[in-house]
Amino acid sequence: MIASTSDLNKVIEKLNQIGYIHEGNLEIPDREAFKYTGKEHLQTHHLYVCPKNSKELQRHITFSDYLKSHPEAIKLYSQVKKEGARLFPDNIEKYLEYKSDCISELYKKCGLIK
């Protein structure tokens, strides 16, 4: 749980010790992003740290819970992510753009947007 700036600083320090680099919030309040280098085996995930009561954490949980209870949504989202990664392996902006329509539709279905 991140409750204060000093807690965040401790998390940043600990993650740095195992090779993660703090990128800041990347213009998304209440979400701190971390990247890594030299760990190609970890290229399957992104690491974010959110305060316990943040809206951003709640959004992540709502989306995750929706996916867990809707296998067809998992299949669709997985296919879109895989195709985006295949098409844009070195261009994160294009990859994000590619999957944005799918995410918007899934957000509507789970009540995150209208």
C-alpha atoms as a PDB file:
ATOM      1  CA  MET A   1       0.000   0.000   0.000  1.00  0.00           C
ATOM      2  CA  ILE A   2       1.317   3.414  -0.980  1.00  0.00           C
ATOM      3  CA  ALA A   3       0.011   5.964   1.483  1.00  0.00           C
ATOM      4  CA  SER A   4       2.546   8.772   1.166  1.00  0.00           C
ATOM      5  CA  THR A   5       5.402  10.175  -0.866  1.00  0.00           C
ATOM      6  CA  SER A   6       7.888   8.494   1.457  1.00  0.00           C
ATOM      7  CA  ASP A   7       6.147   5.134   0.854  1.00  0.00           C
ATOM      8  CA  LEU A   8       6.401   5.715  -2.895  1.00  0.00           C
ATOM      9  CA  ASN A   9      10.078   6.588  -2.546  1.00  0.00           C
ATOM     10  CA  LYS A  10      10.656   3.302  -0.683  1.00  0.00           C
ATOM     11  CA  VAL A  11       8.891   1.353  -3.435  1.00  0.00           C
ATOM     12  CA  ILE A  12      10.916   3.146  -6.119  1.00  0.00           C
ATOM     13  CA  GLU A  13      14.139   2.319  -4.260  1.00  0.00           C
ATOM     14  CA  LYS A  14      13.229  -1.362  -3.770  1.00  0.00           C
ATOM     15  CA  LEU A  15      12.149  -1.829  -7.387  1.00  0.00           C
ATOM     16  CA  ASN A  16      15.288  -0.063  -8.582  1.00  0.00           C
ATOM     17  CA  GLN A  17      17.370  -2.583  -6.638  1.00  0.00           C
ATOM     18  CA  ILE A  18      15.893  -5.390  -8.748  1.00  0.00           C
ATOM     19  CA  GLY A  19      16.275  -3.576 -12.048  1.00  0.00           C
ATOM     20  CA  TYR A  20      13.111  -1.532 -12.490  1.00  0.00           C
ATOM     21  CA  ILE A  21      13.351   2.111 -13.548  1.00  0.00           C
ATOM     22  CA  HIS A  22      10.738   4.603 -12.365  1.00  0.00           C
ATOM     23  CA  GLU A  23       9.144   6.437 -15.300  1.00  0.00           C
ATOM     24  CA  GLY A  24       6.765   8.677 -13.341  1.00  0.00           C
ATOM     25  CA  ASN A  25       3.017   8.704 -13.851  1.00  0.00           C
ATOM     26  CA  LEU A  26       3.151   9.052 -17.663  1.00  0.00           C
ATOM     27  CA  GLU A  27       0.333  11.591 -17.435  1.00  0.00           C
ATOM     28  CA  ILE A  28      -2.012   9.242 -15.568  1.00  0.00           C
ATOM     29  CA  PRO A  29      -2.592  10.485 -12.009  1.00  0.00           C
ATOM     30  CA  ASP A  30      -2.338   7.916  -9.210  1.00  0.00           C
ATOM     31  CA  ARG A  31      -0.350   5.441 -11.316  1.00  0.00           C
ATOM     32  CA  GLU A  32       3.433   5.204 -11.273  1.00  0.00           C
ATOM     33  CA  ALA A  33       4.993   3.268 -14.144  1.00  0.00           C
ATOM     34  CA  PHE A  34       8.171   1.210 -14.098  1.00  0.00           C
ATOM     35  CA  LYS A  35      10.235  -0.203 -16.940  1.00  0.00           C
ATOM     36  CA  TYR A  36      13.184  -2.547 -17.077  1.00  0.00           C
ATOM     37  CA  THR A  37      16.103  -3.321 -19.327  1.00  0.00           C
ATOM     38  CA  GLY A  38      18.003  -6.507 -19.892  1.00  0.00           C
ATOM     39  CA  LYS A  39      15.078  -8.703 -18.840  1.00  0.00           C
ATOM     40  CA  GLU A  40      13.619  -9.872 -22.121  1.00  0.00           C
ATOM     41  CA  HIS A  41      11.880 -12.743 -20.298  1.00  0.00           C
ATOM     42  CA  LEU A  42       9.731 -10.084 -18.582  1.00  0.00           C
ATOM     43  CA  GLN A  43       8.495  -8.483 -21.792  1.00  0.00           C
ATOM     44  CA  THR A  44       5.089  -9.956 -21.023  1.00  0.00           C
ATOM     45  CA  HIS A  45       3.942  -7.358 -18.514  1.00  0.00           C
ATOM     46  CA  HIS A  46       3.966  -3.747 -17.388  1.00  0.00           C
ATOM     47  CA  LEU A  47       4.498  -2.762 -13.773  1.00  0.00           C
ATOM     48  CA  TYR A  48       2.462  -0.002 -12.153  1.00  0.00           C
ATOM     49  CA  VAL A  49       2.172   1.117  -8.545  1.00  0.00           C
ATOM     50  CA  CYS A  50      -1.034   2.826  -7.400  1.00  0.00           C
ATOM     51  CA  PRO A  51      -2.172   4.240  -4.064  1.00  0.00           C
ATOM     52  CA  LYS A  52      -4.567   1.894  -2.268  1.00  0.00           C
ATOM     53  CA  ASN A  53      -7.656   4.093  -2.686  1.00  0.00           C
ATOM     54  CA  SER A  54      -6.912   5.575  -6.119  1.00  0.00           C
ATOM     55  CA  LYS A  55      -9.409   5.730  -8.968  1.00  0.00           C
ATOM     56  CA  GLU A  56      -6.745   4.308 -11.261  1.00  0.00           C
ATOM     57  CA  LEU A  57      -6.347   1.190  -9.103  1.00  0.00           C
ATOM     58  CA  GLN A  58     -10.130   0.773  -9.017  1.00  0.00           C
ATOM     59  CA  ARG A  59     -10.206   1.023 -12.823  1.00  0.00           C
ATOM     60  CA  HIS A  60      -7.555  -1.704 -13.117  1.00  0.00           C
ATOM     61  CA  ILE A  61      -9.448  -3.962 -10.695  1.00  0.00           C
ATOM     62  CA  THR A  62     -12.801  -3.414 -12.432  1.00  0.00           C
ATOM     63  CA  PHE A  63     -11.298  -4.222 -15.824  1.00  0.00           C
ATOM     64  CA  SER A  64      -9.441  -7.269 -14.497  1.00  0.00           C
ATOM     65  CA  ASP A  65     -12.539  -8.597 -12.724  1.00  0.00           C
ATOM     66  CA  TYR A  66     -14.586  -8.147 -15.905  1.00  0.00           C
ATOM     67  CA  LEU A  67     -12.046 -10.063 -17.958  1.00  0.00           C
ATOM     68  CA  LYS A  68     -11.859 -12.867 -15.387  1.00  0.00           C
ATOM     69  CA  SER A  69     -15.621 -13.388 -15.559  1.00  0.00           C
ATOM     70  CA  HIS A  70     -15.979 -13.049 -19.357  1.00  0.00           C
ATOM     71  CA  PRO A  71     -13.864 -15.607 -21.252  1.00  0.00           C
ATOM     72  CA  GLU A  72     -14.959 -14.221 -24.625  1.00  0.00           C
ATOM     73  CA  ALA A  73     -13.594 -10.793 -23.627  1.00  0.00           C
ATOM     74  CA  ILE A  74     -10.272 -12.359 -22.619  1.00  0.00           C
ATOM     75  CA  LYS A  75     -10.056 -14.111 -25.991  1.00  0.00           C
ATOM     76  CA  LEU A  76     -10.834 -10.920 -27.935  1.00  0.00           C
ATOM     77  CA  TYR A  77      -8.468  -8.747 -25.897  1.00  0.00           C
ATOM     78  CA  SER A  78      -5.690 -11.344 -26.136  1.00  0.00           C
ATOM     79  CA  GLN A  79      -6.050 -11.578 -29.898  1.00  0.00           C
ATOM     80  CA  VAL A  80      -5.949  -7.797 -30.302  1.00  0.00           C
ATOM     81  CA  LYS A  81      -2.891  -7.478 -28.041  1.00  0.00           C
ATOM     82  CA  LYS A  82      -1.034 -10.270 -29.846  1.00  0.00           C
ATOM     83  CA  GLU A  83      -1.807  -8.799 -33.248  1.00  0.00           C
ATOM     84  CA  GLY A  84      -0.792  -5.323 -32.076  1.00  0.00           C
ATOM     85  CA  ALA A  85       2.477  -6.695 -30.721  1.00  0.00           C
ATOM     86  CA  ARG A  86       3.105  -8.514 -34.008  1.00  0.00           C
ATOM     87  CA  LEU A  87       2.368  -5.419 -36.102  1.00  0.00           C
ATOM     88  CA  PHE A  88       4.175  -2.896 -33.898  1.00  0.00           C
ATOM     89  CA  PRO A  89       6.908  -4.702 -31.939  1.00  0.00           C
ATOM     90  CA  ASP A  90       9.043  -1.570 -31.563  1.00  0.00           C
ATOM     91  CA  ASN A  91       6.417   1.175 -31.491  1.00  0.00           C
ATOM     92  CA  ILE A  92       4.504   1.373 -28.215  1.00  0.00           C
ATOM     93  CA  GLU A  93       2.431   4.352 -29.362  1.00  0.00           C
ATOM     94  CA  LYS A  94       1.129   2.479 -32.433  1.00  0.00           C
ATOM     95  CA  TYR A  95       0.536  -0.635 -30.324  1.00  0.00           C
ATOM     96  CA  LEU A  96      -1.538   1.362 -27.817  1.00  0.00           C
ATOM     97  CA  GLU A  97      -3.458   3.024 -30.631  1.00  0.00           C
ATOM     98  CA  TYR A  98      -4.130  -0.351 -32.247  1.00  0.00           C
ATOM     99  CA  LYS A  99      -5.738  -1.810 -29.134  1.00  0.00           C
ATOM    100  CA  SER A 100      -7.578   1.358 -28.020  1.00  0.00           C
ATOM    101  CA  ASP A 101     -10.889   0.596 -29.808  1.00  0.00           C
ATOM    102  CA  CYS A 102     -11.036  -2.848 -28.214  1.00  0.00           C
ATOM    103  CA  ILE A 103     -10.306  -1.413 -24.779  1.00  0.00           C
ATOM    104  CA  SER A 104     -12.991   1.256 -25.202  1.00  0.00           C
ATOM    105  CA  GLU A 105     -15.573  -1.386 -26.072  1.00  0.00           C
ATOM    106  CA  LEU A 106     -14.579  -3.529 -23.103  1.00  0.00           C
ATOM    107  CA  TYR A 107     -14.635  -0.477 -20.796  1.00  0.00           C
ATOM    108  CA  LYS A 108     -18.212   0.190 -21.931  1.00  0.00           C
ATOM    109  CA  LYS A 109     -19.179  -3.401 -21.204  1.00  0.00           C
ATOM    110  CA  CYS A 110     -17.768  -3.311 -17.689  1.00  0.00           C
ATOM    111  CA  GLY A 111     -19.184   0.142 -16.914  1.00  0.00           C
ATOM    112  CA  LEU A 112     -15.977   2.170 -16.882  1.00  0.00           C
ATOM    113  CA  ILE A 113     -17.193   4.462 -19.682  1.00  0.00           C
ATOM    114  CA  LYS A 114     -20.591   5.171 -21.181  1.00  0.00           C
END
